[in-house]
Amino acid sequence: MTSEEVRKIVEAEIGADWKRRNAHGCDFKRCLVEPHIREFENCSGPEANGMVKLWVVLEEHPEDQQGYQIVFEEDSRSFGLACPGIRGPIYLGTYGGFLRTFDAM
């Protein structure tokens, strides 16, 4: 999968809802980032040890990457949340669709 393919999935889920904000004050114009792969410590599900590579599609604080992130898992085609950790970023778990994940931040 390419960065452009992931971006199209995100944009399709947003549809016409580009003015949506969440409880953290995130908006799509400021917080969406060019999808890129990052490695995360996996703290979710039965495979909760080890590392997992995921697409980062949204950063709560894109300036310094110190807030929540929305990530995309391409095998399951689902979105989840990640956050900074002491040793590096941590994958918290899957929420399903992009907007559901955005609202769960």
C-alpha atoms as a PDB file:
ATOM      1  CA  MET A   1       0.000   0.000   0.000  1.00  0.00           C
ATOM      2  CA  THR A   2       1.195   3.508  -0.749  1.00  0.00           C
ATOM      3  CA  SER A   3       0.907   6.777   1.137  1.00  0.00           C
ATOM      4  CA  GLU A   4      -1.535   8.064  -1.479  1.00  0.00           C
ATOM      5  CA  GLU A   5      -3.772   4.981  -1.121  1.00  0.00           C
ATOM      6  CA  VAL A   6      -3.889   5.444   2.663  1.00  0.00           C
ATOM      7  CA  ARG A   7      -4.658   9.164   2.260  1.00  0.00           C
ATOM      8  CA  LYS A   8      -7.562   8.322  -0.083  1.00  0.00           C
ATOM      9  CA  ILE A   9      -9.027   5.949   2.531  1.00  0.00           C
ATOM     10  CA  VAL A  10      -8.873   8.718   5.150  1.00  0.00           C
ATOM     11  CA  GLU A  11     -10.372  11.325   2.817  1.00  0.00           C
ATOM     12  CA  ALA A  12     -13.195   8.950   1.810  1.00  0.00           C
ATOM     13  CA  GLU A  13     -14.106   8.457   5.477  1.00  0.00           C
ATOM     14  CA  ILE A  14     -14.062  12.213   6.140  1.00  0.00           C
ATOM     15  CA  GLY A  15     -16.315  12.813   3.131  1.00  0.00           C
ATOM     16  CA  ALA A  16     -17.855  16.285   3.446  1.00  0.00           C
ATOM     17  CA  ASP A  17     -17.182  16.509   7.208  1.00  0.00           C
ATOM     18  CA  TRP A  18     -13.948  18.569   6.970  1.00  0.00           C
ATOM     19  CA  LYS A  19     -15.020  21.046   9.685  1.00  0.00           C
ATOM     20  CA  ARG A  20     -15.356  18.336  12.354  1.00  0.00           C
ATOM     21  CA  ARG A  21     -13.400  18.809  15.610  1.00  0.00           C
ATOM     22  CA  ASN A  22     -12.913  16.461  18.541  1.00  0.00           C
ATOM     23  CA  ALA A  23     -12.712  16.944  22.322  1.00  0.00           C
ATOM     24  CA  HIS A  24      -8.970  17.689  22.041  1.00  0.00           C
ATOM     25  CA  GLY A  25      -9.602  20.537  19.616  1.00  0.00           C
ATOM     26  CA  CYS A  26      -8.074  18.709  16.660  1.00  0.00           C
ATOM     27  CA  ASP A  27      -9.184  19.645  13.188  1.00  0.00           C
ATOM     28  CA  PHE A  28      -8.284  17.955   9.933  1.00  0.00           C
ATOM     29  CA  LYS A  29      -6.613  20.955   8.305  1.00  0.00           C
ATOM     30  CA  ARG A  30      -3.989  21.251  11.065  1.00  0.00           C
ATOM     31  CA  CYS A  31      -3.663  17.656  12.254  1.00  0.00           C
ATOM     32  CA  LEU A  32      -3.762  15.418   9.183  1.00  0.00           C
ATOM     33  CA  VAL A  33      -0.262  14.492   8.085  1.00  0.00           C
ATOM     34  CA  GLU A  34       1.094  12.830   4.973  1.00  0.00           C
ATOM     35  CA  PRO A  35       0.699   9.115   5.767  1.00  0.00           C
ATOM     36  CA  HIS A  36       4.010   7.568   6.769  1.00  0.00           C
ATOM     37  CA  ILE A  37       5.044   4.325   8.433  1.00  0.00           C
ATOM     38  CA  ARG A  38       6.339   4.361  11.990  1.00  0.00           C
ATOM     39  CA  GLU A  39       7.226   1.550  14.375  1.00  0.00           C
ATOM     40  CA  PHE A  40       5.267   1.307  17.641  1.00  0.00           C
ATOM     41  CA  GLU A  41       5.487  -0.742  20.803  1.00  0.00           C
ATOM     42  CA  ASN A  42       2.414  -2.966  20.612  1.00  0.00           C
ATOM     43  CA  CYS A  43       0.261  -2.780  23.764  1.00  0.00           C
ATOM     44  CA  SER A  44      -2.915  -4.093  22.142  1.00  0.00           C
ATOM     45  CA  GLY A  45      -4.515  -7.522  21.984  1.00  0.00           C
ATOM     46  CA  PRO A  46      -3.022 -11.002  22.193  1.00  0.00           C
ATOM     47  CA  GLU A  47       0.173  -9.916  20.409  1.00  0.00           C
ATOM     48  CA  ALA A  48       0.812  -7.141  22.923  1.00  0.00           C
ATOM     49  CA  ASN A  49       4.545  -7.655  23.123  1.00  0.00           C
ATOM     50  CA  GLY A  50       6.924  -6.598  20.428  1.00  0.00           C
ATOM     51  CA  MET A  51       6.766  -3.948  17.769  1.00  0.00           C
ATOM     52  CA  VAL A  52       4.298  -3.190  14.993  1.00  0.00           C
ATOM     53  CA  LYS A  53       4.618  -0.978  11.899  1.00  0.00           C
ATOM     54  CA  LEU A  54       1.614   1.267  11.238  1.00  0.00           C
ATOM     55  CA  TRP A  55       0.707   4.207   9.032  1.00  0.00           C
ATOM     56  CA  VAL A  56       0.486   7.510  10.925  1.00  0.00           C
ATOM     57  CA  VAL A  57      -2.304   9.615   9.381  1.00  0.00           C
ATOM     58  CA  LEU A  58      -3.073  12.242  12.047  1.00  0.00           C
ATOM     59  CA  GLU A  59      -1.044  13.920  14.790  1.00  0.00           C
ATOM     60  CA  GLU A  60      -2.737  15.739  17.689  1.00  0.00           C
ATOM     61  CA  HIS A  61       0.333  18.016  17.821  1.00  0.00           C
ATOM     62  CA  PRO A  62       2.015  17.772  14.405  1.00  0.00           C
ATOM     63  CA  GLU A  63       4.597  20.378  15.436  1.00  0.00           C
ATOM     64  CA  ASP A  64       6.327  18.114  17.954  1.00  0.00           C
ATOM     65  CA  GLN A  65       4.561  14.706  17.693  1.00  0.00           C
ATOM     66  CA  GLN A  66       3.912  14.709  21.465  1.00  0.00           C
ATOM     67  CA  GLY A  67       0.182  13.980  21.442  1.00  0.00           C
ATOM     68  CA  TYR A  68      -2.129  11.223  20.317  1.00  0.00           C
ATOM     69  CA  GLN A  69      -1.790   9.829  16.815  1.00  0.00           C
ATOM     70  CA  ILE A  70      -4.303   8.093  14.605  1.00  0.00           C
ATOM     71  CA  VAL A  71      -2.723   5.143  12.872  1.00  0.00           C
ATOM     72  CA  PHE A  72      -3.878   2.808  10.099  1.00  0.00           C
ATOM     73  CA  GLU A  73      -3.283  -0.947  10.098  1.00  0.00           C
ATOM     74  CA  GLU A  74      -3.359  -1.988   6.470  1.00  0.00           C
ATOM     75  CA  ASP A  75      -3.982  -5.744   6.918  1.00  0.00           C
ATOM     76  CA  SER A  76      -7.205  -5.195   8.878  1.00  0.00           C
ATOM     77  CA  ARG A  77      -7.900  -1.838   7.150  1.00  0.00           C
ATOM     78  CA  SER A  78      -8.753  -0.308  10.507  1.00  0.00           C
ATOM     79  CA  PHE A  79      -7.690   2.749  12.461  1.00  0.00           C
ATOM     80  CA  GLY A  80      -6.409   2.972  16.009  1.00  0.00           C
ATOM     81  CA  LEU A  81      -4.750   5.257  18.516  1.00  0.00           C
ATOM     82  CA  ALA A  82      -1.135   5.623  19.535  1.00  0.00           C
ATOM     83  CA  CYS A  83       0.646   7.949  21.942  1.00  0.00           C
ATOM     84  CA  PRO A  84       4.186   8.886  22.960  1.00  0.00           C
ATOM     85  CA  GLY A  85       5.890   6.585  25.434  1.00  0.00           C
ATOM     86  CA  ILE A  86       9.066   6.596  27.479  1.00  0.00           C
ATOM     87  CA  ARG A  87      10.989   4.344  25.057  1.00  0.00           C
ATOM     88  CA  GLY A  88       9.127   5.409  21.929  1.00  0.00           C
ATOM     89  CA  PRO A  89       5.603   5.573  20.528  1.00  0.00           C
ATOM     90  CA  ILE A  90       3.006   3.100  21.842  1.00  0.00           C
ATOM     91  CA  TYR A  91       0.133   1.553  19.883  1.00  0.00           C
ATOM     92  CA  LEU A  92      -2.925   1.568  22.174  1.00  0.00           C
ATOM     93  CA  GLY A  93      -5.441  -0.321  20.078  1.00  0.00           C
ATOM     94  CA  THR A  94      -7.910  -0.413  17.216  1.00  0.00           C
ATOM     95  CA  TYR A  95     -11.121   1.598  17.120  1.00  0.00           C
ATOM     96  CA  GLY A  96     -12.371   0.716  13.632  1.00  0.00           C
ATOM     97  CA  GLY A  97     -13.196   3.602  11.314  1.00  0.00           C
ATOM     98  CA  PHE A  98     -11.262   6.848  11.034  1.00  0.00           C
ATOM     99  CA  LEU A  99     -14.009   9.145  12.371  1.00  0.00           C
ATOM    100  CA  ARG A 100     -14.780   6.811  15.269  1.00  0.00           C
ATOM    101  CA  THR A 101     -11.088   6.851  16.183  1.00  0.00           C
ATOM    102  CA  PHE A 102     -10.921  10.640  15.793  1.00  0.00           C
ATOM    103  CA  ASP A 103     -13.882  11.071  18.155  1.00  0.00           C
ATOM    104  CA  ALA A 104     -12.333   8.631  20.680  1.00  0.00           C
ATOM    105  CA  MET A 105      -9.157  10.707  21.086  1.00  0.00           C
END
